[in-house]
Amino acid sequence: MAAYHVVLVHFPIALWMTAGLAIVFRAISEGPVAKAVDRALVPFLAIGFVSGIAAYAVGLLVWPWESLSSSPLGRNHMLLATWTLAYWGLILVTRWMQGEAVWNGFMRWVMAGLAILGNVLLGITGTLGGHLIGIHTEVSQALRVLGWEVYTTFYVPDTTLIAICVASVVLLAAGLLGARRAA
């Protein structure tokens, strides 16, 4: 079963990395090729999201939850995998619902920044997964330089989680109000 997870994760990785490059390319270009690439963006993100869900589900079948949650590395991998899946899902919904408007003005640079951050999350998630099966990369060395030892637990205090939830609700409400006023 572990081989299935290893094979499956490469589909969302390839699709999301390509989507990230497409977003950056579209952010810096108004040309016909960039616009053609942008037309494929929502399908790429959607297929990446569906294949990400499949890889996530198979990953949960590969390693028992008790094993994953008892290891700091396992918890880190699950945490980053969850963030990465949710993050790329939000980019998909944003691009799908906002359409071409995401390329107007400063929003294009916001999208480029989001794509770069999404690819960083994806890279870290893959690095942690590689460590789980004994494949170490130089990314973990870069993370150590930045102060994160991949074998220790990534800790988010409860107050930070509460602040994130409150900020999410406020931002969602502000977005909905803004959309109603614009309509």
N, C-alpha and C. Protein backbone atom coordinates (compact mmCIF):
# COMPACT_ATOMS: atom_id res chain seq x y z
N MET A 1 0.81 -1.20 0.00
CA MET A 1 0.00 0.00 0.00
C MET A 1 0.86 1.27 0.00
N ALA A 2 2.04 1.21 0.64
CA ALA A 2 2.91 2.39 0.70
C ALA A 2 3.35 2.82 -0.70
N ALA A 3 3.55 1.84 -1.58
CA ALA A 3 3.95 2.17 -2.95
C ALA A 3 2.88 2.98 -3.66
N TYR A 4 1.61 2.69 -3.37
CA TYR A 4 0.52 3.45 -3.99
C TYR A 4 0.55 4.91 -3.56
N HIS A 5 0.82 5.15 -2.29
CA HIS A 5 0.90 6.53 -1.81
C HIS A 5 2.05 7.26 -2.49
N VAL A 6 3.19 6.61 -2.57
CA VAL A 6 4.37 7.22 -3.19
C VAL A 6 4.08 7.57 -4.65
N VAL A 7 3.40 6.69 -5.35
CA VAL A 7 3.05 6.95 -6.75
C VAL A 7 2.01 8.07 -6.83
N LEU A 8 0.97 7.99 -6.02
CA LEU A 8 -0.12 8.97 -6.09
C LEU A 8 0.31 10.39 -5.76
N VAL A 9 1.22 10.56 -4.82
CA VAL A 9 1.59 11.93 -4.43
C VAL A 9 2.27 12.69 -5.57
N HIS A 10 2.83 11.99 -6.52
CA HIS A 10 3.51 12.68 -7.60
C HIS A 10 2.55 13.35 -8.57
N PHE A 11 1.29 12.92 -8.61
CA PHE A 11 0.32 13.60 -9.47
C PHE A 11 0.00 15.00 -8.97
N PRO A 12 -0.43 15.17 -7.70
CA PRO A 12 -0.67 16.55 -7.26
C PRO A 12 0.60 17.39 -7.22
N ILE A 13 1.74 16.76 -6.92
CA ILE A 13 2.99 17.52 -6.92
C ILE A 13 3.24 18.11 -8.31
N ALA A 14 3.17 17.28 -9.33
CA ALA A 14 3.42 17.75 -10.69
C ALA A 14 2.39 18.79 -11.12
N LEU A 15 1.12 18.54 -10.82
CA LEU A 15 0.07 19.47 -11.24
C LEU A 15 0.16 20.80 -10.51
N TRP A 16 0.40 20.77 -9.20
CA TRP A 16 0.47 22.01 -8.44
C TRP A 16 1.75 22.79 -8.74
N MET A 17 2.86 22.10 -8.94
CA MET A 17 4.09 22.81 -9.32
C MET A 17 3.90 23.49 -10.68
N THR A 18 3.28 22.78 -11.62
CA THR A 18 3.00 23.36 -12.94
C THR A 18 2.02 24.52 -12.82
N ALA A 19 1.00 24.36 -11.99
CA ALA A 19 0.03 25.44 -11.78
C ALA A 19 0.72 26.65 -11.16
N GLY A 20 1.63 26.41 -10.22
CA GLY A 20 2.37 27.52 -9.62
C GLY A 20 3.19 28.28 -10.66
N LEU A 21 3.85 27.54 -11.52
CA LEU A 21 4.62 28.19 -12.60
C LEU A 21 3.69 28.94 -13.55
N ALA A 22 2.53 28.35 -13.84
CA ALA A 22 1.56 29.00 -14.73
C ALA A 22 1.05 30.30 -14.11
N ILE A 23 0.81 30.29 -12.82
CA ILE A 23 0.32 31.50 -12.14
C ILE A 23 1.38 32.59 -12.19
N VAL A 24 2.62 32.26 -11.91
CA VAL A 24 3.69 33.25 -11.96
C VAL A 24 3.86 33.76 -13.39
N PHE A 25 3.83 32.86 -14.35
CA PHE A 25 3.96 33.26 -15.76
C PHE A 25 2.83 34.20 -16.16
N ARG A 26 1.61 33.87 -15.76
CA ARG A 26 0.46 34.73 -16.10
C ARG A 26 0.54 36.07 -15.38
N ALA A 27 1.09 36.07 -14.17
CA ALA A 27 1.21 37.32 -13.42
C ALA A 27 2.18 38.29 -14.10
N ILE A 28 3.20 37.77 -14.77
CA ILE A 28 4.19 38.66 -15.38
C ILE A 28 3.94 38.89 -16.86
N SER A 29 2.95 38.20 -17.46
CA SER A 29 2.74 38.32 -18.89
C SER A 29 1.27 38.48 -19.25
N GLU A 30 1.03 39.32 -20.23
CA GLU A 30 -0.32 39.51 -20.79
C GLU A 30 -0.41 38.87 -22.18
N GLY A 31 0.63 38.18 -22.58
CA GLY A 31 0.70 37.63 -23.93
C GLY A 31 -0.28 36.50 -24.18
N PRO A 32 -0.43 36.11 -25.44
CA PRO A 32 -1.38 35.04 -25.79
C PRO A 32 -1.02 33.68 -25.19
N VAL A 33 0.26 33.39 -25.07
CA VAL A 33 0.66 32.11 -24.46
C VAL A 33 0.29 32.09 -22.99
N ALA A 34 0.53 33.18 -22.28
CA ALA A 34 0.17 33.26 -20.86
C ALA A 34 -1.34 33.13 -20.67
N LYS A 35 -2.11 33.74 -21.56
CA LYS A 35 -3.57 33.64 -21.47
C LYS A 35 -4.04 32.23 -21.79
N ALA A 36 -3.38 31.56 -22.72
CA ALA A 36 -3.72 30.16 -23.03
C ALA A 36 -3.40 29.25 -21.86
N VAL A 37 -2.25 29.49 -21.21
CA VAL A 37 -1.88 28.71 -20.03
C VAL A 37 -2.90 28.94 -18.92
N ASP A 38 -3.34 30.18 -18.78
CA ASP A 38 -4.33 30.52 -17.75
C ASP A 38 -5.65 29.78 -17.96
N ARG A 39 -6.03 29.55 -19.21
CA ARG A 39 -7.28 28.82 -19.47
C ARG A 39 -7.20 27.38 -18.96
N ALA A 40 -6.01 26.83 -18.89
CA ALA A 40 -5.83 25.47 -18.38
C ALA A 40 -5.64 25.43 -16.87
N LEU A 41 -5.56 26.60 -16.23
CA LEU A 41 -5.22 26.66 -14.81
C LEU A 41 -6.27 26.01 -13.92
N VAL A 42 -7.54 26.33 -14.11
CA VAL A 42 -8.57 25.76 -13.24
C VAL A 42 -8.64 24.23 -13.38
N PRO A 43 -8.62 23.68 -14.62
CA PRO A 43 -8.58 22.21 -14.71
C PRO A 43 -7.34 21.60 -14.04
N PHE A 44 -6.18 22.24 -14.21
CA PHE A 44 -4.96 21.74 -13.56
C PHE A 44 -5.12 21.73 -12.05
N LEU A 45 -5.61 22.84 -11.51
CA LEU A 45 -5.80 22.93 -10.06
C LEU A 45 -6.84 21.93 -9.58
N ALA A 46 -7.91 21.75 -10.33
CA ALA A 46 -8.97 20.82 -9.93
C ALA A 46 -8.47 19.37 -9.94
N ILE A 47 -7.79 18.99 -11.00
CA ILE A 47 -7.26 17.62 -11.06
C ILE A 47 -6.20 17.42 -9.98
N GLY A 48 -5.39 18.44 -9.74
CA GLY A 48 -4.40 18.38 -8.66
C GLY A 48 -5.07 18.20 -7.31
N PHE A 49 -6.18 18.92 -7.09
CA PHE A 49 -6.88 18.82 -5.81
C PHE A 49 -7.49 17.43 -5.62
N VAL A 50 -8.13 16.91 -6.65
CA VAL A 50 -8.73 15.57 -6.55
C VAL A 50 -7.64 14.52 -6.34
N SER A 51 -6.55 14.62 -7.08
CA SER A 51 -5.47 13.64 -6.89
C SER A 51 -4.79 13.84 -5.53
N GLY A 52 -4.77 15.07 -5.03
CA GLY A 52 -4.24 15.32 -3.68
C GLY A 52 -5.09 14.67 -2.61
N ILE A 53 -6.40 14.73 -2.78
CA ILE A 53 -7.31 14.05 -1.83
C ILE A 53 -7.07 12.54 -1.87
N ALA A 54 -6.91 12.00 -3.06
CA ALA A 54 -6.67 10.55 -3.19
C ALA A 54 -5.35 10.17 -2.51
N ALA A 55 -4.30 10.95 -2.76
CA ALA A 55 -2.99 10.66 -2.15
C ALA A 55 -3.06 10.79 -0.64
N TYR A 56 -3.77 11.79 -0.16
CA TYR A 56 -3.94 12.01 1.28
C TYR A 56 -4.66 10.81 1.91
N ALA A 57 -5.75 10.38 1.27
CA ALA A 57 -6.53 9.24 1.80
C ALA A 57 -5.71 7.96 1.82
N VAL A 58 -4.98 7.70 0.75
CA VAL A 58 -4.15 6.49 0.71
C VAL A 58 -3.03 6.59 1.74
N GLY A 59 -2.49 7.79 1.94
CA GLY A 59 -1.47 7.98 2.97
C GLY A 59 -1.98 7.63 4.35
N LEU A 60 -3.24 7.96 4.62
CA LEU A 60 -3.83 7.60 5.91
C LEU A 60 -4.01 6.09 6.05
N LEU A 61 -4.15 5.40 4.92
CA LEU A 61 -4.29 3.94 4.96
C LEU A 61 -2.93 3.25 5.10
N VAL A 62 -1.87 3.92 4.64
CA VAL A 62 -0.54 3.32 4.67
C VAL A 62 -0.01 3.23 6.10
N TRP A 63 -0.05 4.34 6.80
CA TRP A 63 0.48 4.39 8.15
C TRP A 63 -0.67 4.56 9.12
N PRO A 64 -0.78 3.69 10.11
CA PRO A 64 -1.84 3.83 11.11
C PRO A 64 -1.72 5.18 11.82
N TRP A 65 -2.87 5.77 12.16
CA TRP A 65 -2.89 7.07 12.80
C TRP A 65 -2.07 7.07 14.08
N GLU A 66 -2.10 5.97 14.82
CA GLU A 66 -1.34 5.88 16.06
C GLU A 66 0.16 6.03 15.80
N SER A 67 0.63 5.45 14.71
CA SER A 67 2.06 5.57 14.37
C SER A 67 2.41 6.98 13.93
N LEU A 68 1.59 7.53 13.05
CA LEU A 68 1.86 8.89 12.56
C LEU A 68 1.83 9.91 13.68
N SER A 69 0.82 9.82 14.52
CA SER A 69 0.64 10.84 15.55
C SER A 69 1.63 10.69 16.71
N SER A 70 2.28 9.54 16.83
CA SER A 70 3.24 9.37 17.92
C SER A 70 4.63 9.86 17.53
N SER A 71 4.84 10.14 16.26
CA SER A 71 6.14 10.61 15.77
C SER A 71 6.06 12.09 15.44
N PRO A 72 6.99 12.89 15.95
CA PRO A 72 6.99 14.31 15.56
C PRO A 72 7.08 14.49 14.05
N LEU A 73 7.88 13.68 13.38
CA LEU A 73 8.01 13.77 11.93
C LEU A 73 6.69 13.42 11.25
N GLY A 74 6.00 12.39 11.74
CA GLY A 74 4.70 12.02 11.19
C GLY A 74 3.67 13.12 11.39
N ARG A 75 3.65 13.72 12.59
CA ARG A 75 2.71 14.83 12.85
C ARG A 75 3.02 16.01 11.94
N ASN A 76 4.30 16.32 11.79
CA ASN A 76 4.68 17.42 10.91
C ASN A 76 4.24 17.17 9.48
N HIS A 77 4.45 15.94 9.01
CA HIS A 77 4.07 15.61 7.63
C HIS A 77 2.55 15.72 7.45
N MET A 78 1.80 15.20 8.40
CA MET A 78 0.34 15.28 8.30
C MET A 78 -0.14 16.73 8.36
N LEU A 79 0.46 17.52 9.24
CA LEU A 79 0.09 18.92 9.37
C LEU A 79 0.35 19.66 8.06
N LEU A 80 1.55 19.47 7.50
CA LEU A 80 1.88 20.16 6.24
C LEU A 80 1.06 19.62 5.08
N ALA A 81 0.78 18.32 5.06
CA ALA A 81 -0.05 17.76 3.99
C ALA A 81 -1.45 18.35 4.04
N THR A 82 -1.98 18.50 5.24
CA THR A 82 -3.32 19.09 5.40
C THR A 82 -3.31 20.55 4.96
N TRP A 83 -2.31 21.30 5.40
CA TRP A 83 -2.20 22.71 5.00
C TRP A 83 -2.06 22.83 3.48
N THR A 84 -1.22 22.01 2.89
CA THR A 84 -0.97 22.08 1.46
C THR A 84 -2.24 21.78 0.67
N LEU A 85 -2.94 20.74 1.05
CA LEU A 85 -4.18 20.38 0.36
C LEU A 85 -5.21 21.50 0.49
N ALA A 86 -5.38 22.02 1.69
CA ALA A 86 -6.34 23.12 1.90
C ALA A 86 -5.91 24.37 1.14
N TYR A 87 -4.63 24.67 1.16
CA TYR A 87 -4.10 25.87 0.52
C TYR A 87 -4.35 25.85 -0.99
N TRP A 88 -4.00 24.73 -1.64
CA TRP A 88 -4.20 24.65 -3.08
C TRP A 88 -5.68 24.59 -3.41
N GLY A 89 -6.49 24.03 -2.51
CA GLY A 89 -7.95 24.06 -2.70
C GLY A 89 -8.46 25.49 -2.69
N LEU A 90 -7.93 26.33 -1.81
CA LEU A 90 -8.34 27.73 -1.75
C LEU A 90 -7.87 28.50 -2.99
N ILE A 91 -6.69 28.20 -3.49
CA ILE A 91 -6.25 28.84 -4.72
C ILE A 91 -7.16 28.44 -5.88
N LEU A 92 -7.56 27.17 -5.93
CA LEU A 92 -8.50 26.70 -6.95
C LEU A 92 -9.82 27.48 -6.86
N VAL A 93 -10.39 27.57 -5.67
CA VAL A 93 -11.67 28.26 -5.49
C VAL A 93 -11.53 29.74 -5.84
N THR A 94 -10.43 30.36 -5.43
CA THR A 94 -10.21 31.78 -5.74
C THR A 94 -10.15 32.01 -7.23
N ARG A 95 -9.36 31.23 -7.94
CA ARG A 95 -9.21 31.41 -9.39
C ARG A 95 -10.52 31.11 -10.12
N TRP A 96 -11.22 30.08 -9.65
CA TRP A 96 -12.46 29.66 -10.29
C TRP A 96 -13.55 30.72 -10.10
N MET A 97 -13.70 31.20 -8.87
CA MET A 97 -14.77 32.15 -8.58
C MET A 97 -14.46 33.56 -9.08
N GLN A 98 -13.22 33.98 -9.02
CA GLN A 98 -12.86 35.34 -9.43
C GLN A 98 -12.59 35.46 -10.92
N GLY A 99 -12.30 34.35 -11.57
CA GLY A 99 -12.06 34.39 -13.01
C GLY A 99 -10.87 35.27 -13.38
N GLU A 100 -11.00 35.99 -14.47
CA GLU A 100 -9.92 36.85 -14.98
C GLU A 100 -9.60 38.01 -14.04
N ALA A 101 -10.49 38.31 -13.09
CA ALA A 101 -10.27 39.44 -12.18
C ALA A 101 -9.02 39.27 -11.33
N VAL A 102 -8.56 38.04 -11.15
CA VAL A 102 -7.35 37.84 -10.34
C VAL A 102 -6.11 38.40 -11.01
N TRP A 103 -6.20 38.73 -12.29
CA TRP A 103 -5.04 39.26 -13.01
C TRP A 103 -5.09 40.78 -13.15
N ASN A 104 -6.05 41.42 -12.50
CA ASN A 104 -6.16 42.88 -12.56
C ASN A 104 -5.37 43.53 -11.44
N GLY A 105 -4.60 44.53 -11.80
CA GLY A 105 -3.90 45.33 -10.81
C GLY A 105 -2.95 44.54 -9.93
N PHE A 106 -2.97 44.90 -8.65
CA PHE A 106 -2.04 44.30 -7.68
C PHE A 106 -2.38 42.84 -7.39
N MET A 107 -3.61 42.45 -7.66
CA MET A 107 -4.04 41.07 -7.37
C MET A 107 -3.17 40.04 -8.10
N ARG A 108 -2.67 40.40 -9.27
CA ARG A 108 -1.80 39.47 -10.02
C ARG A 108 -0.55 39.12 -9.21
N TRP A 109 -0.01 40.10 -8.48
CA TRP A 109 1.19 39.85 -7.68
C TRP A 109 0.85 39.07 -6.41
N VAL A 110 -0.37 39.29 -5.91
CA VAL A 110 -0.84 38.49 -4.77
C VAL A 110 -0.94 37.02 -5.20
N MET A 111 -1.51 36.78 -6.38
CA MET A 111 -1.62 35.41 -6.89
C MET A 111 -0.24 34.78 -7.09
N ALA A 112 0.70 35.55 -7.61
CA ALA A 112 2.06 35.03 -7.79
C ALA A 112 2.67 34.66 -6.45
N GLY A 113 2.50 35.52 -5.46
CA GLY A 113 3.01 35.23 -4.12
C GLY A 113 2.36 34.00 -3.52
N LEU A 114 1.05 33.87 -3.71
CA LEU A 114 0.34 32.69 -3.20
C LEU A 114 0.84 31.41 -3.87
N ALA A 115 1.10 31.48 -5.17
CA ALA A 115 1.60 30.30 -5.89
C ALA A 115 2.97 29.90 -5.38
N ILE A 116 3.84 30.88 -5.16
CA ILE A 116 5.18 30.58 -4.66
C ILE A 116 5.09 29.97 -3.26
N LEU A 117 4.26 30.54 -2.40
CA LEU A 117 4.08 29.99 -1.06
C LEU A 117 3.50 28.57 -1.13
N GLY A 118 2.56 28.34 -2.02
CA GLY A 118 1.99 27.00 -2.18
C GLY A 118 3.02 25.98 -2.61
N ASN A 119 3.94 26.39 -3.50
CA ASN A 119 4.99 25.48 -3.92
C ASN A 119 6.00 25.22 -2.81
N VAL A 120 6.24 26.23 -1.97
CA VAL A 120 7.12 26.01 -0.80
C VAL A 120 6.48 25.01 0.15
N LEU A 121 5.18 25.18 0.44
CA LEU A 121 4.48 24.21 1.30
C LEU A 121 4.55 22.80 0.72
N LEU A 122 4.35 22.72 -0.58
CA LEU A 122 4.39 21.43 -1.26
C LEU A 122 5.77 20.79 -1.14
N GLY A 123 6.81 21.60 -1.32
CA GLY A 123 8.17 21.08 -1.20
C GLY A 123 8.50 20.59 0.20
N ILE A 124 8.06 21.35 1.21
CA ILE A 124 8.32 20.94 2.59
C ILE A 124 7.55 19.67 2.92
N THR A 125 6.30 19.60 2.46
CA THR A 125 5.49 18.39 2.71
C THR A 125 6.17 17.17 2.10
N GLY A 126 6.65 17.29 0.86
CA GLY A 126 7.34 16.19 0.21
C GLY A 126 8.63 15.81 0.91
N THR A 127 9.34 16.82 1.39
CA THR A 127 10.58 16.56 2.13
C THR A 127 10.30 15.75 3.38
N LEU A 128 9.26 16.13 4.13
CA LEU A 128 8.92 15.40 5.35
C LEU A 128 8.46 13.98 5.02
N GLY A 129 7.71 13.82 3.94
CA GLY A 129 7.30 12.48 3.52
C GLY A 129 8.50 11.63 3.14
N GLY A 130 9.46 12.25 2.46
CA GLY A 130 10.68 11.53 2.12
C GLY A 130 11.43 11.06 3.35
N HIS A 131 11.49 11.91 4.37
CA HIS A 131 12.14 11.52 5.62
C HIS A 131 11.44 10.34 6.26
N LEU A 132 10.12 10.28 6.13
CA LEU A 132 9.37 9.16 6.72
C LEU A 132 9.78 7.82 6.12
N ILE A 133 10.17 7.84 4.84
CA ILE A 133 10.57 6.57 4.21
C ILE A 133 12.09 6.46 4.05
N GLY A 134 12.83 7.39 4.67
CA GLY A 134 14.28 7.29 4.70
C GLY A 134 15.01 7.97 3.57
N ILE A 135 14.33 8.84 2.83
CA ILE A 135 14.99 9.58 1.74
C ILE A 135 15.17 11.01 2.20
N HIS A 136 16.40 11.39 2.46
CA HIS A 136 16.70 12.72 2.98
C HIS A 136 17.11 13.64 1.83
N THR A 137 16.72 14.91 1.92
CA THR A 137 17.05 15.87 0.87
C THR A 137 17.74 17.09 1.46
N GLU A 138 18.23 17.92 0.59
CA GLU A 138 18.88 19.16 1.01
C GLU A 138 17.86 20.18 1.52
N VAL A 139 16.59 19.99 1.21
CA VAL A 139 15.56 20.91 1.72
C VAL A 139 15.55 20.89 3.24
N SER A 140 15.72 19.70 3.81
CA SER A 140 15.73 19.62 5.28
C SER A 140 16.93 20.37 5.86
N GLN A 141 18.05 20.40 5.13
CA GLN A 141 19.20 21.19 5.59
C GLN A 141 18.88 22.68 5.56
N ALA A 142 18.16 23.12 4.52
CA ALA A 142 17.75 24.53 4.42
C ALA A 142 16.79 24.87 5.55
N LEU A 143 15.89 23.95 5.88
CA LEU A 143 14.96 24.18 6.98
C LEU A 143 15.70 24.29 8.31
N ARG A 144 16.74 23.48 8.48
CA ARG A 144 17.55 23.57 9.71
C ARG A 144 18.22 24.93 9.82
N VAL A 145 18.73 25.44 8.72
CA VAL A 145 19.36 26.77 8.72
C VAL A 145 18.33 27.83 9.12
N LEU A 146 17.08 27.63 8.70
CA LEU A 146 16.01 28.58 9.04
C LEU A 146 15.47 28.37 10.45
N GLY A 147 15.98 27.34 11.16
CA GLY A 147 15.60 27.15 12.55
C GLY A 147 14.58 26.06 12.81
N TRP A 148 14.27 25.25 11.81
CA TRP A 148 13.29 24.19 12.02
C TRP A 148 13.95 22.83 11.84
N GLU A 149 14.09 22.11 12.92
CA GLU A 149 14.59 20.74 12.87
C GLU A 149 13.40 19.86 12.51
N VAL A 150 13.48 19.16 11.38
CA VAL A 150 12.33 18.42 10.88
C VAL A 150 11.91 17.26 11.78
N TYR A 151 12.77 16.85 12.69
CA TYR A 151 12.43 15.75 13.58
C TYR A 151 11.79 16.22 14.89
N THR A 152 11.54 17.50 15.03
CA THR A 152 10.87 18.01 16.22
C THR A 152 9.47 18.45 15.86
N THR A 153 8.61 18.51 16.84
CA THR A 153 7.21 18.84 16.60
C THR A 153 7.05 20.30 16.25
N PHE A 154 6.26 20.55 15.21
CA PHE A 154 5.88 21.90 14.85
C PHE A 154 4.73 22.29 15.77
N TYR A 155 4.95 23.28 16.58
CA TYR A 155 4.00 23.61 17.63
C TYR A 155 3.29 24.92 17.32
N VAL A 156 1.98 24.89 17.35
CA VAL A 156 1.18 26.10 17.19
C VAL A 156 0.35 26.26 18.46
N PRO A 157 0.61 27.33 19.23
CA PRO A 157 -0.15 27.53 20.48
C PRO A 157 -1.64 27.71 20.21
N ASP A 158 -2.45 27.36 21.21
CA ASP A 158 -3.91 27.48 21.08
C ASP A 158 -4.33 28.90 20.76
N THR A 159 -3.69 29.88 21.37
CA THR A 159 -4.08 31.27 21.11
C THR A 159 -3.81 31.65 19.64
N THR A 160 -2.78 31.09 19.05
CA THR A 160 -2.51 31.35 17.64
C THR A 160 -3.60 30.73 16.78
N LEU A 161 -4.01 29.51 17.11
CA LEU A 161 -5.09 28.87 16.36
C LEU A 161 -6.39 29.66 16.47
N ILE A 162 -6.68 30.17 17.67
CA ILE A 162 -7.88 30.98 17.86
C ILE A 162 -7.79 32.25 17.03
N ALA A 163 -6.63 32.90 17.04
CA ALA A 163 -6.43 34.12 16.25
C ALA A 163 -6.60 33.85 14.76
N ILE A 164 -6.09 32.72 14.28
CA ILE A 164 -6.24 32.35 12.88
C ILE A 164 -7.71 32.15 12.53
N CYS A 165 -8.44 31.47 13.40
CA CYS A 165 -9.87 31.24 13.16
C CYS A 165 -10.65 32.55 13.15
N VAL A 166 -10.39 33.42 14.10
CA VAL A 166 -11.08 34.71 14.16
C VAL A 166 -10.76 35.54 12.92
N ALA A 167 -9.48 35.58 12.55
CA ALA A 167 -9.09 36.34 11.35
C ALA A 167 -9.74 35.76 10.10
N SER A 168 -9.84 34.45 10.02
CA SER A 168 -10.48 33.81 8.87
C SER A 168 -11.95 34.20 8.76
N VAL A 169 -12.65 34.19 9.88
CA VAL A 169 -14.06 34.57 9.87
C VAL A 169 -14.22 36.04 9.49
N VAL A 170 -13.38 36.90 10.04
CA VAL A 170 -13.45 38.34 9.71
C VAL A 170 -13.16 38.57 8.23
N LEU A 171 -12.12 37.93 7.70
CA LEU A 171 -11.79 38.09 6.29
C LEU A 171 -12.88 37.53 5.39
N LEU A 172 -13.45 36.41 5.75
CA LEU A 172 -14.55 35.83 4.98
C LEU A 172 -15.75 36.78 4.96
N ALA A 173 -16.09 37.33 6.13
CA ALA A 173 -17.21 38.27 6.21
C ALA A 173 -16.94 39.52 5.38
N ALA A 174 -15.71 40.03 5.47
CA ALA A 174 -15.35 41.22 4.69
C ALA A 174 -15.44 40.94 3.20
N GLY A 175 -14.98 39.77 2.78
CA GLY A 175 -15.06 39.38 1.37
C GLY A 175 -16.49 39.26 0.90
N LEU A 176 -17.35 38.64 1.70
CA LEU A 176 -18.75 38.49 1.32
C LEU A 176 -19.45 39.84 1.25
N LEU A 177 -19.16 40.71 2.22
CA LEU A 177 -19.75 42.06 2.19
C LEU A 177 -19.28 42.84 0.96
N GLY A 178 -18.00 42.74 0.66
CA GLY A 178 -17.46 43.42 -0.51
C GLY A 178 -18.07 42.89 -1.80
N ALA A 179 -18.28 41.59 -1.88
CA ALA A 179 -18.89 41.00 -3.08
C ALA A 179 -20.34 41.44 -3.22
N ARG A 180 -21.06 41.54 -2.14
CA ARG A 180 -22.46 42.01 -2.20
C ARG A 180 -22.55 43.47 -2.64
N ARG A 181 -21.64 44.29 -2.14
CA ARG A 181 -21.63 45.71 -2.52
C ARG A 181 -21.25 45.90 -3.97
N ALA A 182 -20.36 45.04 -4.46
CA ALA A 182 -19.93 45.15 -5.86
C ALA A 182 -21.03 44.68 -6.81
N ALA A 183 -21.92 43.82 -6.32
CA ALA A 183 -22.97 43.25 -7.20
C ALA A 183 -24.18 44.10 -7.31
